[in-house]
Amino acid sequence: MSKRIQVTLPDRLADDLEQWADYDGRAIANLAAFLLEQAVRNAKQDGTFPTEAKP
């Protein structure tokens, strides 16, 4: 099952994501999900992903 989140982005970043998504022929939300997935995967691989919650 997928979860939904909502984020607020600076205008310039939102514009850049829109341009990138248009270039790739995909929705902004789809591109954002892909980029977030990559970021989490990379953090896990390089050891910067937290292994436990902060108290």
N, C-alpha and C. Protein backbone atom coordinates (compact mmCIF):
# COMPACT_ATOMS: atom_id res chain seq x y z
N MET A 1 0.84 -1.18 0.00
CA MET A 1 0.00 0.00 0.00
C MET A 1 0.89 1.24 0.00
N SER A 2 0.48 2.25 -0.71
CA SER A 2 1.23 3.50 -0.79
C SER A 2 0.67 4.52 0.18
N LYS A 3 1.55 5.37 0.69
CA LYS A 3 1.13 6.47 1.56
C LYS A 3 1.31 7.78 0.81
N ARG A 4 0.48 8.74 1.15
CA ARG A 4 0.57 10.07 0.56
C ARG A 4 1.17 11.02 1.57
N ILE A 5 2.00 11.94 1.07
CA ILE A 5 2.52 13.02 1.89
C ILE A 5 2.29 14.32 1.14
N GLN A 6 2.39 15.41 1.86
CA GLN A 6 2.24 16.72 1.25
C GLN A 6 3.45 17.54 1.64
N VAL A 7 4.04 18.22 0.67
CA VAL A 7 5.21 19.06 0.93
C VAL A 7 4.98 20.45 0.34
N THR A 8 5.65 21.42 0.92
CA THR A 8 5.64 22.78 0.39
C THR A 8 7.06 23.08 -0.08
N LEU A 9 7.18 23.50 -1.33
CA LEU A 9 8.49 23.75 -1.94
C LEU A 9 8.64 25.21 -2.30
N PRO A 10 9.87 25.71 -2.28
CA PRO A 10 10.11 27.05 -2.81
C PRO A 10 9.73 27.09 -4.29
N ASP A 11 9.27 28.23 -4.75
CA ASP A 11 8.80 28.36 -6.14
C ASP A 11 9.84 27.88 -7.15
N ARG A 12 11.08 28.26 -6.95
CA ARG A 12 12.12 27.91 -7.93
C ARG A 12 12.31 26.39 -8.02
N LEU A 13 12.30 25.73 -6.87
CA LEU A 13 12.44 24.27 -6.87
C LEU A 13 11.24 23.60 -7.53
N ALA A 14 10.06 24.09 -7.24
CA ALA A 14 8.85 23.54 -7.87
C ALA A 14 8.90 23.73 -9.39
N ASP A 15 9.37 24.90 -9.82
CA ASP A 15 9.50 25.17 -11.26
C ASP A 15 10.51 24.22 -11.91
N ASP A 16 11.63 24.00 -11.22
CA ASP A 16 12.65 23.08 -11.75
C ASP A 16 12.11 21.66 -11.85
N LEU A 17 11.40 21.21 -10.82
CA LEU A 17 10.81 19.87 -10.85
C LEU A 17 9.79 19.75 -11.97
N GLU A 18 9.00 20.79 -12.17
CA GLU A 18 8.00 20.77 -13.24
C GLU A 18 8.68 20.67 -14.60
N GLN A 19 9.75 21.43 -14.79
CA GLN A 19 10.49 21.39 -16.06
C GLN A 19 11.07 19.99 -16.29
N TRP A 20 11.65 19.41 -15.26
CA TRP A 20 12.25 18.08 -15.36
C TRP A 20 11.18 17.03 -15.65
N ALA A 21 10.07 17.10 -14.94
CA ALA A 21 8.98 16.15 -15.15
C ALA A 21 8.42 16.25 -16.57
N ASP A 22 8.25 17.48 -17.04
CA ASP A 22 7.77 17.68 -18.41
C ASP A 22 8.73 17.07 -19.42
N TYR A 23 10.02 17.27 -19.20
CA TYR A 23 11.04 16.74 -20.09
C TYR A 23 10.98 15.21 -20.13
N ASP A 24 10.75 14.60 -18.96
CA ASP A 24 10.67 13.14 -18.86
C ASP A 24 9.31 12.59 -19.25
N GLY A 25 8.32 13.47 -19.42
CA GLY A 25 6.97 13.02 -19.78
C GLY A 25 6.27 12.32 -18.64
N ARG A 26 6.49 12.80 -17.42
CA ARG A 26 5.86 12.19 -16.25
C ARG A 26 5.28 13.28 -15.36
N ALA A 27 4.46 12.88 -14.42
CA ALA A 27 3.87 13.82 -13.47
C ALA A 27 4.92 14.26 -12.45
N ILE A 28 4.77 15.47 -11.93
CA ILE A 28 5.69 15.97 -10.92
C ILE A 28 5.70 15.05 -9.70
N ALA A 29 4.54 14.59 -9.27
CA ALA A 29 4.46 13.71 -8.10
C ALA A 29 5.23 12.42 -8.34
N ASN A 30 5.16 11.89 -9.55
CA ASN A 30 5.88 10.66 -9.89
C ASN A 30 7.38 10.90 -9.84
N LEU A 31 7.84 12.02 -10.39
CA LEU A 31 9.26 12.35 -10.35
C LEU A 31 9.72 12.55 -8.91
N ALA A 32 8.93 13.26 -8.12
CA ALA A 32 9.29 13.50 -6.72
C ALA A 32 9.39 12.19 -5.95
N ALA A 33 8.46 11.28 -6.17
CA ALA A 33 8.50 9.98 -5.50
C ALA A 33 9.76 9.21 -5.89
N PHE A 34 10.10 9.25 -7.17
CA PHE A 34 11.31 8.58 -7.65
C PHE A 34 12.56 9.17 -6.99
N LEU A 35 12.64 10.51 -6.93
CA LEU A 35 13.80 11.16 -6.34
C LEU A 35 13.91 10.89 -4.84
N LEU A 36 12.78 10.88 -4.15
CA LEU A 36 12.79 10.57 -2.72
C LEU A 36 13.24 9.13 -2.48
N GLU A 37 12.75 8.22 -3.31
CA GLU A 37 13.15 6.82 -3.18
C GLU A 37 14.65 6.66 -3.38
N GLN A 38 15.19 7.35 -4.38
CA GLN A 38 16.64 7.32 -4.63
C GLN A 38 17.41 7.87 -3.45
N ALA A 39 16.94 8.98 -2.88
CA ALA A 39 17.64 9.61 -1.76
C ALA A 39 17.68 8.69 -0.54
N VAL A 40 16.57 8.02 -0.25
CA VAL A 40 16.53 7.10 0.89
C VAL A 40 17.44 5.90 0.62
N ARG A 41 17.38 5.37 -0.57
CA ARG A 41 18.24 4.23 -0.93
C ARG A 41 19.72 4.61 -0.79
N ASN A 42 20.09 5.78 -1.29
CA ASN A 42 21.48 6.24 -1.20
C ASN A 42 21.90 6.44 0.25
N ALA A 43 21.02 7.01 1.08
CA ALA A 43 21.34 7.21 2.50
C ALA A 43 21.55 5.88 3.21
N LYS A 44 20.76 4.89 2.86
CA LYS A 44 20.94 3.56 3.47
C LYS A 44 22.26 2.94 3.03
N GLN A 45 22.63 3.13 1.77
CA GLN A 45 23.86 2.54 1.25
C GLN A 45 25.10 3.21 1.83
N ASP A 46 25.04 4.53 2.04
CA ASP A 46 26.24 5.22 2.52
C ASP A 46 26.28 5.39 4.04
N GLY A 47 25.29 4.83 4.73
CA GLY A 47 25.31 4.82 6.18
C GLY A 47 24.79 6.06 6.87
N THR A 48 24.18 6.98 6.12
CA THR A 48 23.65 8.20 6.74
C THR A 48 22.18 8.08 7.12
N PHE A 49 21.55 6.97 6.78
CA PHE A 49 20.15 6.75 7.15
C PHE A 49 20.09 6.37 8.62
N PRO A 50 19.23 7.03 9.41
CA PRO A 50 19.15 6.70 10.84
C PRO A 50 18.59 5.29 11.04
N THR A 51 19.20 4.56 11.95
CA THR A 51 18.76 3.19 12.21
C THR A 51 17.74 3.10 13.34
N GLU A 52 17.62 4.17 14.12
CA GLU A 52 16.61 4.20 15.18
C GLU A 52 16.12 5.63 15.36
N ALA A 53 14.91 5.76 15.89
CA ALA A 53 14.32 7.08 16.08
C ALA A 53 15.00 7.81 17.24
N LYS A 54 15.03 9.13 17.14
CA LYS A 54 15.56 9.94 18.24
C LYS A 54 14.56 9.92 19.39
N PRO A 55 15.05 10.00 20.62
CA PRO A 55 14.13 9.99 21.77
C PRO A 55 13.26 11.23 21.83
